[in-house]
PDB file of N, CA and C in Angstrom:
ATOM      1  N   MET A   1      75.037 195.008  49.293  1.00  0.00           N
ATOM      2  CA  MET A   1      76.342 195.438  49.749  1.00  0.00           C
ATOM      3  C   MET A   1      76.577 195.018  51.199  1.00  0.00           C
ATOM      4  N   GLU A   2      75.536 195.127  52.011  1.00  0.00           N
ATOM      5  CA  GLU A   2      75.643 194.750  53.417  1.00  0.00           C
ATOM      6  C   GLU A   2      75.926 193.258  53.555  1.00  0.00           C
ATOM      7  N   ASN A   3      75.325 192.447  52.683  1.00  0.00           N
ATOM      8  CA  ASN A   3      75.547 191.005  52.719  1.00  0.00           C
ATOM      9  C   ASN A   3      77.001 190.656  52.427  1.00  0.00           C
ATOM     10  N   ILE A   4      77.611 191.387  51.516  1.00  0.00           N
ATOM     11  CA  ILE A   4      79.014 191.128  51.174  1.00  0.00           C
ATOM     12  C   ILE A   4      79.910 191.435  52.368  1.00  0.00           C
ATOM     13  N   GLU A   5      79.635 192.529  53.056  1.00  0.00           N
ATOM     14  CA  GLU A   5      80.428 192.892  54.232  1.00  0.00           C
ATOM     15  C   GLU A   5      80.266 191.852  55.338  1.00  0.00           C
ATOM     16  N   GLU A   6      79.043 191.393  55.523  1.00  0.00           N
ATOM     17  CA  GLU A   6      78.780 190.372  56.540  1.00  0.00           C
ATOM     18  C   GLU A   6      79.482 189.062  56.161  1.00  0.00           C
ATOM     19  N   PHE A   7      79.431 188.706  54.885  1.00  0.00           N
ATOM     20  CA  PHE A   7      80.110 187.509  54.412  1.00  0.00           C
ATOM     21  C   PHE A   7      81.615 187.608  54.663  1.00  0.00           C
ATOM     22  N   LYS A   8      82.210 188.754  54.345  1.00  0.00           N
ATOM     23  CA  LYS A   8      83.647 188.956  54.556  1.00  0.00           C
ATOM     24  C   LYS A   8      84.004 188.807  56.029  1.00  0.00           C
ATOM     25  N   LYS A   9      83.175 189.403  56.878  1.00  0.00           N
ATOM     26  CA  LYS A   9      83.413 189.344  58.323  1.00  0.00           C
ATOM     27  C   LYS A   9      83.341 187.900  58.816  1.00  0.00           C
ATOM     28  N   ASN A  10      82.299 187.160  58.413  1.00  0.00           N
ATOM     29  CA  ASN A  10      82.140 185.762  58.818  1.00  0.00           C
ATOM     30  C   ASN A  10      83.272 184.891  58.275  1.00  0.00           C
ATOM     31  N   TYR A  11      83.643 185.151  57.019  1.00  0.00           N
ATOM     32  CA  TYR A  11      84.711 184.378  56.387  1.00  0.00           C
ATOM     33  C   TYR A  11      86.036 184.618  57.110  1.00  0.00           C
ATOM     34  N   GLN A  12      86.311 185.861  57.430  1.00  0.00           N
ATOM     35  CA  GLN A  12      87.529 186.217  58.164  1.00  0.00           C
ATOM     36  C   GLN A  12      87.550 185.531  59.529  1.00  0.00           C
ATOM     37  N   GLN A  13      86.408 185.507  60.199  1.00  0.00           N
ATOM     38  CA  GLN A  13      86.311 184.869  61.518  1.00  0.00           C
ATOM     39  C   GLN A  13      86.572 183.372  61.405  1.00  0.00           C
ATOM     40  N   ARG A  14      86.026 182.736  60.370  1.00  0.00           N
ATOM     41  CA  ARG A  14      86.243 181.305  60.168  1.00  0.00           C
ATOM     42  C   ARG A  14      87.712 181.013  59.894  1.00  0.00           C
ATOM     43  N   ILE A  15      88.362 181.859  59.110  1.00  0.00           N
ATOM     44  CA  ILE A  15      89.786 181.677  58.821  1.00  0.00           C
ATOM     45  C   ILE A  15      90.610 181.809  60.098  1.00  0.00           C
ATOM     46  N   GLU A  16      90.289 182.804  60.921  1.00  0.00           N
ATOM     47  CA  GLU A  16      91.013 183.001  62.179  1.00  0.00           C
ATOM     48  C   GLU A  16      90.828 181.809  63.108  1.00  0.00           C
ATOM     49  N   ASN A  17      89.602 181.302  63.204  1.00  0.00           N
ATOM     50  CA  ASN A  17      89.344 180.133  64.055  1.00  0.00           C
ATOM     51  C   ASN A  17      90.087 178.910  63.550  1.00  0.00           C
ATOM     52  N   LEU A  18      90.107 178.733  62.242  1.00  0.00           N
ATOM     53  CA  LEU A  18      90.831 177.604  61.661  1.00  0.00           C
ATOM     54  C   LEU A  18      92.324 177.727  61.947  1.00  0.00           C
ATOM     55  N   ALA A  19      92.864 178.918  61.815  1.00  0.00           N
ATOM     56  CA  ALA A  19      94.291 179.144  62.084  1.00  0.00           C
ATOM     57  C   ALA A  19      94.618 178.848  63.546  1.00  0.00           C
ATOM     58  N   LYS A  20      93.731 179.262  64.454  1.00  0.00           N
ATOM     59  CA  LYS A  20      93.961 178.995  65.884  1.00  0.00           C
ATOM     60  C   LYS A  20      93.957 177.499  66.164  1.00  0.00           C
ATOM     61  N   SER A  21      92.982 176.789  65.602  1.00  0.00           N
ATOM     62  CA  SER A  21      92.908 175.352  65.871  1.00  0.00           C
ATOM     63  C   SER A  21      94.087 174.621  65.246  1.00  0.00           C
ATOM     64  N   LYS A  22      94.530 175.060  64.070  1.00  0.00           N
ATOM     65  CA  LYS A  22      95.715 174.457  63.437  1.00  0.00           C
ATOM     66  C   LYS A  22      96.943 174.664  64.305  1.00  0.00           C
ATOM     67  N   THR A  23      97.098 175.897  64.827  1.00  0.00           N
ATOM     68  CA  THR A  23      98.247 176.207  65.680  1.00  0.00           C
ATOM     69  C   THR A  23      98.229 175.345  66.929  1.00  0.00           C
ATOM     70  N   GLU A  24      97.064 175.186  67.540  1.00  0.00           N
ATOM     71  CA  GLU A  24      96.945 174.341  68.730  1.00  0.00           C
ATOM     72  C   GLU A  24      97.296 172.896  68.395  1.00  0.00           C
ATOM     73  N   TRP A  25      96.810 172.408  67.262  1.00  0.00           N
ATOM     74  CA  TRP A  25      97.093 171.041  66.851  1.00  0.00           C
ATOM     75  C   TRP A  25      98.587 170.845  66.649  1.00  0.00           C
ATOM     76  N   ILE A  26      99.230 171.790  65.974  1.00  0.00           N
ATOM     77  CA  ILE A  26     100.676 171.693  65.717  1.00  0.00           C
ATOM     78  C   ILE A  26     101.440 171.713  67.033  1.00  0.00           C
ATOM     79  N   ASN A  27     101.066 172.601  67.953  1.00  0.00           N
ATOM     80  CA  ASN A  27     101.743 172.658  69.247  1.00  0.00           C
ATOM     81  C   ASN A  27     101.583 171.345  70.010  1.00  0.00           C
ATOM     82  N   ASP A  28     100.380 170.775  69.998  1.00  0.00           N
ATOM     83  CA  ASP A  28     100.145 169.485  70.656  1.00  0.00           C
ATOM     84  C   ASP A  28     100.990 168.389  70.015  1.00  0.00           C
ATOM     85  N   PHE A  29     101.053 168.393  68.676  1.00  0.00           N
ATOM     86  CA  PHE A  29     101.833 167.383  67.978  1.00  0.00           C
ATOM     87  C   PHE A  29     103.310 167.492  68.333  1.00  0.00           C
ATOM     88  N   VAL A  30     103.843 168.708  68.309  1.00  0.00           N
ATOM     89  CA  VAL A  30     105.258 168.918  68.639  1.00  0.00           C
ATOM     90  C   VAL A  30     105.532 168.456  70.069  1.00  0.00           C
ATOM     91  N   GLU A  31     104.640 168.798  70.974  1.00  0.00           N
ATOM     92  CA  GLU A  31     104.803 168.403  72.381  1.00  0.00           C
ATOM     93  C   GLU A  31     104.795 166.884  72.512  1.00  0.00           C
ATOM     94  N   SER A  32     103.940 166.215  71.751  1.00  0.00           N
ATOM     95  CA  SER A  32     103.845 164.756  71.845  1.00  0.00           C
ATOM     96  C   SER A  32     105.070 164.053  71.266  1.00  0.00           C
ATOM     97  N   GLN A  33     105.835 164.747  70.429  1.00  0.00           N
ATOM     98  CA  GLN A  33     107.021 164.139  69.819  1.00  0.00           C
ATOM     99  C   GLN A  33     108.271 164.269  70.677  1.00  0.00           C
ATOM    100  N   LYS A  34     108.201 165.068  71.734  1.00  0.00           N
ATOM    101  CA  LYS A  34     109.367 165.232  72.608  1.00  0.00           C
ATOM    102  C   LYS A  34     109.600 163.935  73.372  1.00  0.00           C
ATOM    103  N   PRO A  35     110.869 163.612  73.609  1.00  0.00           N
ATOM    104  CA  PRO A  35     111.157 162.368  74.348  1.00  0.00           C
ATOM    105  C   PRO A  35     110.579 162.424  75.761  1.00  0.00           C
ATOM    106  N   LYS A  36     110.074 161.308  76.192  1.00  0.00           N
ATOM    107  CA  LYS A  36     109.472 161.233  77.517  1.00  0.00           C
ATOM    108  C   LYS A  36     110.329 160.331  78.401  1.00  0.00           C
ATOM    109  N   LYS A  37     110.224 160.558  79.700  1.00  0.00           N
ATOM    110  CA  LYS A  37     110.940 159.694  80.642  1.00  0.00           C
ATOM    111  C   LYS A  37     110.363 158.280  80.522  1.00  0.00           C
ATOM    112  N   PRO A  38     111.226 157.281  80.589  1.00  0.00           N
ATOM    113  CA  PRO A  38     110.693 155.913  80.509  1.00  0.00           C
ATOM    114  C   PRO A  38     109.824 155.593  81.730  1.00  0.00           C
ATOM    115  N   VAL A  39     108.784 154.845  81.491  1.00  0.00           N
ATOM    116  CA  VAL A  39     107.862 154.476  82.559  1.00  0.00           C
ATOM    117  C   VAL A  39     108.451 153.290  83.314  1.00  0.00           C
ATOM    118  N   LYS A  40     108.457 153.401  84.633  1.00  0.00           N
ATOM    119  CA  LYS A  40     108.980 152.296  85.454  1.00  0.00           C
ATOM    120  C   LYS A  40     107.870 151.281  85.704  1.00  0.00           C
ATOM    121  N   THR A  41     108.262 150.035  85.722  1.00  0.00           N
ATOM    122  CA  THR A  41     107.301 148.992  86.056  1.00  0.00           C
ATOM    123  C   THR A  41     107.202 148.897  87.570  1.00  0.00           C
ATOM    124  N   VAL A  42     106.191 148.210  88.049  1.00  0.00           N
ATOM    125  CA  VAL A  42     106.015 148.025  89.491  1.00  0.00           C
ATOM    126  C   VAL A  42     107.213 147.263  90.053  1.00  0.00           C
ATOM    127  N   GLY A  43     107.689 146.281  89.295  1.00  0.00           N
ATOM    128  CA  GLY A  43     108.847 145.502  89.738  1.00  0.00           C
ATOM    129  C   GLY A  43     110.085 146.370  89.917  1.00  0.00           C
ATOM    130  N   GLU A  44     110.316 147.275  88.986  1.00  0.00           N
ATOM    131  CA  GLU A  44     111.478 148.172  89.079  1.00  0.00           C
ATOM    132  C   GLU A  44     111.350 149.096  90.292  1.00  0.00           C
ATOM    133  N   MET A  45     110.144 149.622  90.517  1.00  0.00           N
ATOM    134  CA  MET A  45     109.939 150.493  91.686  1.00  0.00           C
ATOM    135  C   MET A  45     110.151 149.712  92.980  1.00  0.00           C
ATOM    136  N   TYR A  46     109.671 148.468  93.022  1.00  0.00           N
ATOM    137  CA  TYR A  46     109.835 147.620  94.206  1.00  0.00           C
ATOM    138  C   TYR A  46     111.314 147.380  94.487  1.00  0.00           C
ATOM    139  N   LYS A  47     112.085 147.080  93.432  1.00  0.00           N
ATOM    140  CA  LYS A  47     113.527 146.853  93.588  1.00  0.00           C
ATOM    141  C   LYS A  47     114.219 148.098  94.126  1.00  0.00           C
ATOM    142  N   GLU A  48     113.835 149.265  93.640  1.00  0.00           N
ATOM    143  CA  GLU A  48     114.431 150.517  94.123  1.00  0.00           C
ATOM    144  C   GLU A  48     114.133 150.735  95.600  1.00  0.00           C
ATOM    145  N   ILE A  49     112.895 150.467  95.999  1.00  0.00           N
ATOM    146  CA  ILE A  49     112.517 150.639  97.406  1.00  0.00           C
ATOM    147  C   ILE A  49     113.319 149.690  98.278  1.00  0.00           C
ATOM    148  N   LYS A  50     113.429 148.450  97.843  1.00  0.00           N
ATOM    149  CA  LYS A  50     114.191 147.462  98.617  1.00  0.00           C
ATOM    150  C   LYS A  50     115.661 147.864  98.693  1.00  0.00           C
ATOM    151  N   LYS A  51     116.199 148.368  97.603  1.00  0.00           N
ATOM    152  CA  LYS A  51     117.605 148.807  97.576  1.00  0.00           C
ATOM    153  C   LYS A  51     117.812 149.961  98.553  1.00  0.00           C
ATOM    154  N   GLU A  52     116.901 150.916  98.573  1.00  0.00           N
ATOM    155  CA  GLU A  52     116.993 152.046  99.499  1.00  0.00           C
ATOM    156  C   GLU A  52     116.879 151.587 100.947  1.00  0.00           C
ATOM    157  N   GLU A  53     115.998 150.613 101.183  1.00  0.00           N
ATOM    158  CA  GLU A  53     115.833 150.092 102.556  1.00  0.00           C
ATOM    159  C   GLU A  53     117.126 149.433 103.029  1.00  0.00           C
ATOM    160  N   ARG A  54     117.790 148.682 102.136  1.00  0.00           N
ATOM    161  CA  ARG A  54     119.046 148.020 102.497  1.00  0.00           C
ATOM    162  C   ARG A  54     120.141 149.039 102.791  1.00  0.00           C
ATOM    163  N   LEU A  55     120.146 150.138 102.039  1.00  0.00           N
ATOM    164  CA  LEU A  55     121.168 151.162 102.241  1.00  0.00           C
ATOM    165  C   LEU A  55     120.982 151.916 103.535  1.00  0.00           C
ATOM    166  N   THR A  56     119.752 152.069 104.002  1.00  0.00           N
ATOM    167  CA  THR A  56     119.493 152.828 105.227  1.00  0.00           C
ATOM    168  C   THR A  56     119.660 151.990 106.478  1.00  0.00           C
ATOM    169  N   GLN A  57     119.762 150.685 106.343  1.00  0.00           N
ATOM    170  CA  GLN A  57     119.907 149.809 107.520  1.00  0.00           C
ATOM    171  C   GLN A  57     121.333 149.745 107.993  1.00  0.00           C
TER     172      GLN A  57
END
């Protein structure tokens, strides 16, 4: 009888851990699907800096 109770407890713990990891995975996946700001190239950043320098002169 004690073995059955221990088995139930361990099984319940494994289910809870699996549910937590699934939830984390789903949250990470949803976060990764959100639109991201476009990455600027070095050339684009250089052009912006030069444009700002011209405006301040």
